[in-house]
Amino acid sequence: MALPGVYQPQADTLLLAEALAHEELGPRTDALEIGTGTGALALHAAGRRARVTAVDVSWPAVVTARLNALRLRLPLRVLHGDFAARTAGDCFDLVVTNPPYVPAPGVRLPSHGPERAWDAGPDGRGVINRVCATAPALLRPGGVLLMVHSGMCGAEETLDRLTGVGLAAEVAATAAVPWGPVLRSRRSWLEQQGLAAEADEWEELVIIRAQSL
């Protein structure tokens, strides 16, 4: 279930869930989901007996994730607020995130509304870059970050940023999905920015896996 305005699991969520299925989880695994939305990925990890913390800046998302945890009878700690502030001083074996990554004309990230789940500044990296910078402090030795984003945002830049802060990073999976309504609505702007070609109808999604050494 999802309250109005909460991002529903889509192709990017499913791709990330497939990557998560390959990670070892258990009762000694401390996991974090950044931007939990409905809690789908966090609850996937909780269902495999991991101890999971989920964070979201949206109160409707926090309430939705808590209700879904109750409905599924799974333990899940759900926090409201900025992920870096709410997890300061904590370390995890696994960090999973499907951050906002759609390029948007506005320089500032939206502070309210459903657009908070996808709009991420002119290059789509408004949240991705923060995750990359914060990852070393969030991960225990050997800990893993799994992040999904659009190829429009530059997978190579993400890899460079993660390796630059001392993590071993790779593209673990890719998938092509049809453009959704948000991309279609801003096609002209994306073309003007050089982020899309006139004939583009498919978006590449990438799973980034980074591990603390």
C-alpha atoms as a PDB file:
ATOM      1  CA  MET A   1       0.000   0.000   0.000  1.00  0.00           C
ATOM      2  CA  ALA A   2       1.025   3.620  -0.474  1.00  0.00           C
ATOM      3  CA  LEU A   3      -0.454   6.878   0.765  1.00  0.00           C
ATOM      4  CA  PRO A   4      -1.090   9.570  -1.876  1.00  0.00           C
ATOM      5  CA  GLY A   5       2.128  11.138  -3.147  1.00  0.00           C
ATOM      6  CA  VAL A   6       4.386   8.241  -2.128  1.00  0.00           C
ATOM      7  CA  TYR A   7       6.571   6.766  -4.851  1.00  0.00           C
ATOM      8  CA  GLN A   8       5.254   3.380  -5.924  1.00  0.00           C
ATOM      9  CA  PRO A   9       7.748   0.561  -6.651  1.00  0.00           C
ATOM     10  CA  GLN A  10       8.624   0.580 -10.335  1.00  0.00           C
ATOM     11  CA  ALA A  11      11.260  -0.882 -12.664  1.00  0.00           C
ATOM     12  CA  ASP A  12      14.129   0.758 -10.762  1.00  0.00           C
ATOM     13  CA  THR A  13      12.863  -0.706  -7.476  1.00  0.00           C
ATOM     14  CA  LEU A  14      12.600  -4.170  -9.016  1.00  0.00           C
ATOM     15  CA  LEU A  15      16.104  -3.966 -10.489  1.00  0.00           C
ATOM     16  CA  LEU A  16      17.482  -2.966  -7.114  1.00  0.00           C
ATOM     17  CA  ALA A  17      15.548  -5.782  -5.428  1.00  0.00           C
ATOM     18  CA  GLU A  18      17.184  -8.268  -7.807  1.00  0.00           C
ATOM     19  CA  ALA A  19      20.615  -6.950  -6.847  1.00  0.00           C
ATOM     20  CA  LEU A  20      19.687  -7.072  -3.160  1.00  0.00           C
ATOM     21  CA  ALA A  21      18.728 -10.735  -3.543  1.00  0.00           C
ATOM     22  CA  HIS A  22      22.368 -11.554  -4.309  1.00  0.00           C
ATOM     23  CA  GLU A  23      23.678 -10.040  -1.064  1.00  0.00           C
ATOM     24  CA  GLU A  24      24.151 -12.126   2.074  1.00  0.00           C
ATOM     25  CA  LEU A  25      21.727 -11.039   4.789  1.00  0.00           C
ATOM     26  CA  GLY A  26      20.913 -12.449   8.173  1.00  0.00           C
ATOM     27  CA  PRO A  27      20.179 -11.623  11.806  1.00  0.00           C
ATOM     28  CA  ARG A  28      23.635 -10.048  12.244  1.00  0.00           C
ATOM     29  CA  THR A  29      23.235  -7.750   9.224  1.00  0.00           C
ATOM     30  CA  ASP A  30      22.527  -4.088   9.932  1.00  0.00           C
ATOM     31  CA  ALA A  31      20.964  -2.533   6.842  1.00  0.00           C
ATOM     32  CA  LEU A  32      19.877   0.978   5.902  1.00  0.00           C
ATOM     33  CA  GLU A  33      17.557   2.130   3.150  1.00  0.00           C
ATOM     34  CA  ILE A  34      17.868   5.780   2.117  1.00  0.00           C
ATOM     35  CA  GLY A  35      14.608   7.149   0.716  1.00  0.00           C
ATOM     36  CA  THR A  36      12.440   4.194   1.593  1.00  0.00           C
ATOM     37  CA  GLY A  37       9.153   5.255  -0.035  1.00  0.00           C
ATOM     38  CA  THR A  38       6.712   2.408   0.563  1.00  0.00           C
ATOM     39  CA  GLY A  39       9.419   0.452   2.397  1.00  0.00           C
ATOM     40  CA  ALA A  40       9.493  -2.275  -0.265  1.00  0.00           C
ATOM     41  CA  LEU A  41      13.261  -2.774  -0.290  1.00  0.00           C
ATOM     42  CA  ALA A  42      13.674  -2.315   3.448  1.00  0.00           C
ATOM     43  CA  LEU A  43      10.985  -4.917   4.066  1.00  0.00           C
ATOM     44  CA  HIS A  44      12.645  -7.260   1.571  1.00  0.00           C
ATOM     45  CA  ALA A  45      15.768  -7.103   3.732  1.00  0.00           C
ATOM     46  CA  ALA A  46      13.754  -7.406   6.950  1.00  0.00           C
ATOM     47  CA  GLY A  47      12.084 -10.500   5.544  1.00  0.00           C
ATOM     48  CA  ARG A  48      15.544 -12.035   5.316  1.00  0.00           C
ATOM     49  CA  ARG A  49      16.031 -11.322   9.048  1.00  0.00           C
ATOM     50  CA  ALA A  50      18.313  -8.306   8.674  1.00  0.00           C
ATOM     51  CA  ARG A  51      18.007  -5.488  11.208  1.00  0.00           C
ATOM     52  CA  VAL A  52      16.787  -2.654   9.031  1.00  0.00           C
ATOM     53  CA  THR A  53      16.594   1.106   9.430  1.00  0.00           C
ATOM     54  CA  ALA A  54      14.729   3.093   6.775  1.00  0.00           C
ATOM     55  CA  VAL A  55      14.843   6.870   6.315  1.00  0.00           C
ATOM     56  CA  ASP A  56      12.741   9.247   4.220  1.00  0.00           C
ATOM     57  CA  VAL A  57      12.243  13.020   4.099  1.00  0.00           C
ATOM     58  CA  SER A  58       8.543  12.537   3.334  1.00  0.00           C
ATOM     59  CA  TRP A  59       6.141  12.006   6.227  1.00  0.00           C
ATOM     60  CA  PRO A  60       3.617  10.162   4.002  1.00  0.00           C
ATOM     61  CA  ALA A  61       6.421   7.776   2.989  1.00  0.00           C
ATOM     62  CA  VAL A  62       7.407   7.218   6.624  1.00  0.00           C
ATOM     63  CA  VAL A  63       3.808   6.456   7.584  1.00  0.00           C
ATOM     64  CA  THR A  64       3.382   4.183   4.551  1.00  0.00           C
ATOM     65  CA  ALA A  65       6.520   2.197   5.352  1.00  0.00           C
ATOM     66  CA  ARG A  66       5.477   1.812   8.986  1.00  0.00           C
ATOM     67  CA  LEU A  67       2.001   0.627   7.993  1.00  0.00           C
ATOM     68  CA  ASN A  68       3.430  -1.853   5.497  1.00  0.00           C
ATOM     69  CA  ALA A  69       5.771  -3.206   8.156  1.00  0.00           C
ATOM     70  CA  LEU A  70       2.821  -3.703  10.506  1.00  0.00           C
ATOM     71  CA  ARG A  71       0.781  -5.307   7.737  1.00  0.00           C
ATOM     72  CA  LEU A  72       3.572  -7.764   6.928  1.00  0.00           C
ATOM     73  CA  ARG A  73       4.492  -8.232  10.612  1.00  0.00           C
ATOM     74  CA  LEU A  74       8.126  -7.414   9.960  1.00  0.00           C
ATOM     75  CA  PRO A  75      10.378  -5.392  12.265  1.00  0.00           C
ATOM     76  CA  LEU A  76      11.397  -2.110  10.652  1.00  0.00           C
ATOM     77  CA  ARG A  77      12.776   1.086  12.173  1.00  0.00           C
ATOM     78  CA  VAL A  78      11.550   4.013  10.080  1.00  0.00           C
ATOM     79  CA  LEU A  79      12.967   7.505  10.633  1.00  0.00           C
ATOM     80  CA  HIS A  80      11.844  10.836   9.221  1.00  0.00           C
ATOM     81  CA  GLY A  81      14.354  13.380   7.967  1.00  0.00           C
ATOM     82  CA  ASP A  82      17.622  13.791   6.112  1.00  0.00           C
ATOM     83  CA  PHE A  83      19.467  10.489   5.910  1.00  0.00           C
ATOM     84  CA  ALA A  84      22.872  11.900   6.859  1.00  0.00           C
ATOM     85  CA  ALA A  85      21.526  13.702   9.922  1.00  0.00           C
ATOM     86  CA  ARG A  86      19.375  10.816  11.126  1.00  0.00           C
ATOM     87  CA  THR A  87      22.142   8.205  10.794  1.00  0.00           C
ATOM     88  CA  ALA A  88      25.078  10.292  12.045  1.00  0.00           C
ATOM     89  CA  GLY A  89      27.454   8.028  13.952  1.00  0.00           C
ATOM     90  CA  ASP A  90      25.782   4.805  12.806  1.00  0.00           C
ATOM     91  CA  CYS A  91      27.444   2.215  10.558  1.00  0.00           C
ATOM     92  CA  PHE A  92      25.848  -0.496   8.463  1.00  0.00           C
ATOM     93  CA  ASP A  93      26.732  -3.703   6.661  1.00  0.00           C
ATOM     94  CA  LEU A  94      24.439  -2.783   3.766  1.00  0.00           C
ATOM     95  CA  VAL A  95      23.097   0.509   2.440  1.00  0.00           C
ATOM     96  CA  VAL A  96      20.421   0.440  -0.276  1.00  0.00           C
ATOM     97  CA  THR A  97      19.035   3.460  -2.066  1.00  0.00           C
ATOM     98  CA  ASN A  98      16.843   4.425  -4.993  1.00  0.00           C
ATOM     99  CA  PRO A  99      17.485   8.165  -4.752  1.00  0.00           C
ATOM    100  CA  PRO A 100      15.871  10.948  -6.760  1.00  0.00           C
ATOM    101  CA  TYR A 101      17.791  11.008 -10.056  1.00  0.00           C
ATOM    102  CA  VAL A 102      15.649  12.594 -12.776  1.00  0.00           C
ATOM    103  CA  PRO A 103      17.297  15.724 -14.213  1.00  0.00           C
ATOM    104  CA  ALA A 104      15.093  18.752 -13.599  1.00  0.00           C
ATOM    105  CA  PRO A 105      15.331  22.430 -14.577  1.00  0.00           C
ATOM    106  CA  GLY A 106      15.225  23.688 -11.006  1.00  0.00           C
ATOM    107  CA  VAL A 107      18.564  24.156  -9.240  1.00  0.00           C
ATOM    108  CA  ARG A 108      17.039  23.595  -5.805  1.00  0.00           C
ATOM    109  CA  LEU A 109      15.636  20.209  -4.912  1.00  0.00           C
ATOM    110  CA  PRO A 110      11.870  20.280  -4.268  1.00  0.00           C
ATOM    111  CA  SER A 111      10.943  20.629  -0.597  1.00  0.00           C
ATOM    112  CA  HIS A 112       7.462  19.153  -0.875  1.00  0.00           C
ATOM    113  CA  GLY A 113       5.174  17.226  -3.182  1.00  0.00           C
ATOM    114  CA  PRO A 114       5.623  13.918  -5.010  1.00  0.00           C
ATOM    115  CA  GLU A 115       8.432  15.432  -7.123  1.00  0.00           C
ATOM    116  CA  ARG A 116      10.748  15.003  -4.124  1.00  0.00           C
ATOM    117  CA  ALA A 117      10.906  11.314  -5.047  1.00  0.00           C
ATOM    118  CA  TRP A 118      12.436  11.923  -8.479  1.00  0.00           C
ATOM    119  CA  ASP A 119      13.584  15.498  -9.233  1.00  0.00           C
ATOM    120  CA  ALA A 120      17.315  15.857  -8.537  1.00  0.00           C
ATOM    121  CA  GLY A 121      18.628  19.075 -10.069  1.00  0.00           C
ATOM    122  CA  PRO A 122      19.910  19.895 -13.569  1.00  0.00           C
ATOM    123  CA  ASP A 123      22.244  16.892 -13.789  1.00  0.00           C
ATOM    124  CA  GLY A 124      20.127  14.508 -11.701  1.00  0.00           C
ATOM    125  CA  ARG A 125      22.919  14.145  -9.152  1.00  0.00           C
ATOM    126  CA  GLY A 126      21.648  16.332  -6.317  1.00  0.00           C
ATOM    127  CA  VAL A 127      21.195  13.361  -3.977  1.00  0.00           C
ATOM    128  CA  ILE A 128      23.502  10.843  -5.691  1.00  0.00           C
ATOM    129  CA  ASN A 129      26.558  12.974  -4.936  1.00  0.00           C
ATOM    130  CA  ARG A 130      25.607  13.207  -1.254  1.00  0.00           C
ATOM    131  CA  VAL A 131      25.214   9.435  -1.046  1.00  0.00           C
ATOM    132  CA  CYS A 132      28.640   8.955  -2.630  1.00  0.00           C
ATOM    133  CA  ALA A 133      30.272  11.396  -0.203  1.00  0.00           C
ATOM    134  CA  THR A 134      28.564   9.914   2.855  1.00  0.00           C
ATOM    135  CA  ALA A 135      28.979   6.222   1.979  1.00  0.00           C
ATOM    136  CA  PRO A 136      32.390   5.683   3.646  1.00  0.00           C
ATOM    137  CA  ALA A 137      31.043   6.909   6.993  1.00  0.00           C
ATOM    138  CA  LEU A 138      27.917   4.773   6.691  1.00  0.00           C
ATOM    139  CA  LEU A 139      29.621   1.493   5.796  1.00  0.00           C
ATOM    140  CA  ARG A 140      31.442  -0.877   8.093  1.00  0.00           C
ATOM    141  CA  PRO A 141      34.577  -2.591   6.741  1.00  0.00           C
ATOM    142  CA  GLY A 142      33.345  -4.952   4.032  1.00  0.00           C
ATOM    143  CA  GLY A 143      29.971  -3.191   3.926  1.00  0.00           C
ATOM    144  CA  VAL A 144      28.150  -2.768   0.621  1.00  0.00           C
ATOM    145  CA  LEU A 145      26.294   0.124  -0.995  1.00  0.00           C
ATOM    146  CA  LEU A 146      23.682  -0.681  -3.657  1.00  0.00           C
ATOM    147  CA  MET A 147      22.324   2.293  -5.587  1.00  0.00           C
ATOM    148  CA  VAL A 148      20.177   2.557  -8.707  1.00  0.00           C
ATOM    149  CA  HIS A 149      20.012   5.569 -10.991  1.00  0.00           C
ATOM    150  CA  SER A 150      19.539   6.600 -14.597  1.00  0.00           C
ATOM    151  CA  GLY A 151      22.338   6.399 -17.124  1.00  0.00           C
ATOM    152  CA  MET A 152      21.554  10.076 -17.822  1.00  0.00           C
ATOM    153  CA  CYS A 153      23.233  10.912 -14.518  1.00  0.00           C
ATOM    154  CA  GLY A 154      26.553   9.388 -15.537  1.00  0.00           C
ATOM    155  CA  ALA A 155      27.473   5.990 -14.133  1.00  0.00           C
ATOM    156  CA  GLU A 156      31.166   6.719 -14.663  1.00  0.00           C
ATOM    157  CA  GLU A 157      30.976   9.826 -12.502  1.00  0.00           C
ATOM    158  CA  THR A 158      29.353   7.807  -9.729  1.00  0.00           C
ATOM    159  CA  LEU A 159      32.078   5.174  -9.958  1.00  0.00           C
ATOM    160  CA  ASP A 160      34.776   7.860  -9.923  1.00  0.00           C
ATOM    161  CA  ARG A 161      33.294   9.522  -6.853  1.00  0.00           C
ATOM    162  CA  LEU A 162      32.993   6.250  -4.959  1.00  0.00           C
ATOM    163  CA  THR A 163      36.485   5.052  -5.829  1.00  0.00           C
ATOM    164  CA  GLY A 164      37.719   8.534  -4.943  1.00  0.00           C
ATOM    165  CA  VAL A 165      36.501   8.079  -1.362  1.00  0.00           C
ATOM    166  CA  GLY A 166      38.141   4.674  -1.068  1.00  0.00           C
ATOM    167  CA  LEU A 167      35.408   2.227  -2.083  1.00  0.00           C
ATOM    168  CA  ALA A 168      35.630  -0.552  -4.665  1.00  0.00           C
ATOM    169  CA  ALA A 169      32.833   0.272  -7.099  1.00  0.00           C
ATOM    170  CA  GLU A 170      31.363  -1.312 -10.200  1.00  0.00           C
ATOM    171  CA  VAL A 171      28.248  -1.337 -12.362  1.00  0.00           C
ATOM    172  CA  ALA A 172      26.588  -4.539 -11.174  1.00  0.00           C
ATOM    173  CA  ALA A 173      23.582  -4.551 -13.524  1.00  0.00           C
ATOM    174  CA  THR A 174      21.836  -2.526 -16.206  1.00  0.00           C
ATOM    175  CA  ALA A 175      18.374  -2.504 -17.722  1.00  0.00           C
ATOM    176  CA  ALA A 176      16.549  -0.543 -20.413  1.00  0.00           C
ATOM    177  CA  VAL A 177      13.060   0.704 -19.612  1.00  0.00           C
ATOM    178  CA  PRO A 178      10.610   2.829 -21.616  1.00  0.00           C
ATOM    179  CA  TRP A 179      10.521   6.521 -20.835  1.00  0.00           C
ATOM    180  CA  GLY A 180       7.909   7.307 -18.225  1.00  0.00           C
ATOM    181  CA  PRO A 181       5.593  10.334 -18.065  1.00  0.00           C
ATOM    182  CA  VAL A 182       8.099  12.520 -16.163  1.00  0.00           C
ATOM    183  CA  LEU A 183      10.828  12.173 -18.803  1.00  0.00           C
ATOM    184  CA  ARG A 184       8.333  12.550 -21.637  1.00  0.00           C
ATOM    185  CA  SER A 185       6.987  15.759 -20.113  1.00  0.00           C
ATOM    186  CA  ARG A 186      10.434  17.402 -20.211  1.00  0.00           C
ATOM    187  CA  ARG A 187      11.795  15.932 -23.440  1.00  0.00           C
ATOM    188  CA  SER A 188      12.549  19.323 -25.027  1.00  0.00           C
ATOM    189  CA  TRP A 189      14.531  20.466 -22.002  1.00  0.00           C
ATOM    190  CA  LEU A 190      16.471  17.175 -21.795  1.00  0.00           C
ATOM    191  CA  GLU A 191      17.371  17.477 -25.472  1.00  0.00           C
ATOM    192  CA  GLN A 192      18.489  21.088 -24.990  1.00  0.00           C
ATOM    193  CA  GLN A 193      20.734  20.001 -22.111  1.00  0.00           C
ATOM    194  CA  GLY A 194      22.281  17.236 -24.199  1.00  0.00           C
ATOM    195  CA  LEU A 195      20.925  14.585 -21.844  1.00  0.00           C
ATOM    196  CA  ALA A 196      18.714  12.937 -24.467  1.00  0.00           C
ATOM    197  CA  ALA A 197      18.501  12.593 -28.217  1.00  0.00           C
ATOM    198  CA  GLU A 198      15.375  13.339 -30.224  1.00  0.00           C
ATOM    199  CA  ALA A 199      14.699   9.665 -30.936  1.00  0.00           C
ATOM    200  CA  ASP A 200      15.287   8.397 -27.380  1.00  0.00           C
ATOM    201  CA  GLU A 201      12.421   6.287 -26.064  1.00  0.00           C
ATOM    202  CA  TRP A 202      14.317   4.050 -23.633  1.00  0.00           C
ATOM    203  CA  GLU A 203      16.115   4.930 -20.430  1.00  0.00           C
ATOM    204  CA  GLU A 204      19.093   2.979 -19.147  1.00  0.00           C
ATOM    205  CA  LEU A 205      19.052   2.121 -15.453  1.00  0.00           C
ATOM    206  CA  VAL A 206      22.249   1.152 -13.674  1.00  0.00           C
ATOM    207  CA  ILE A 207      22.906  -0.609 -10.394  1.00  0.00           C
ATOM    208  CA  ILE A 208      26.047   0.643  -8.697  1.00  0.00           C
ATOM    209  CA  ARG A 209      27.640  -1.681  -6.166  1.00  0.00           C
ATOM    210  CA  ALA A 210      30.375  -0.295  -3.947  1.00  0.00           C
ATOM    211  CA  GLN A 211      32.159  -2.047  -1.121  1.00  0.00           C
ATOM    212  CA  SER A 212      34.166  -0.690   1.774  1.00  0.00           C
ATOM    213  CA  LEU A 213      37.662  -2.166   1.839  1.00  0.00           C
END
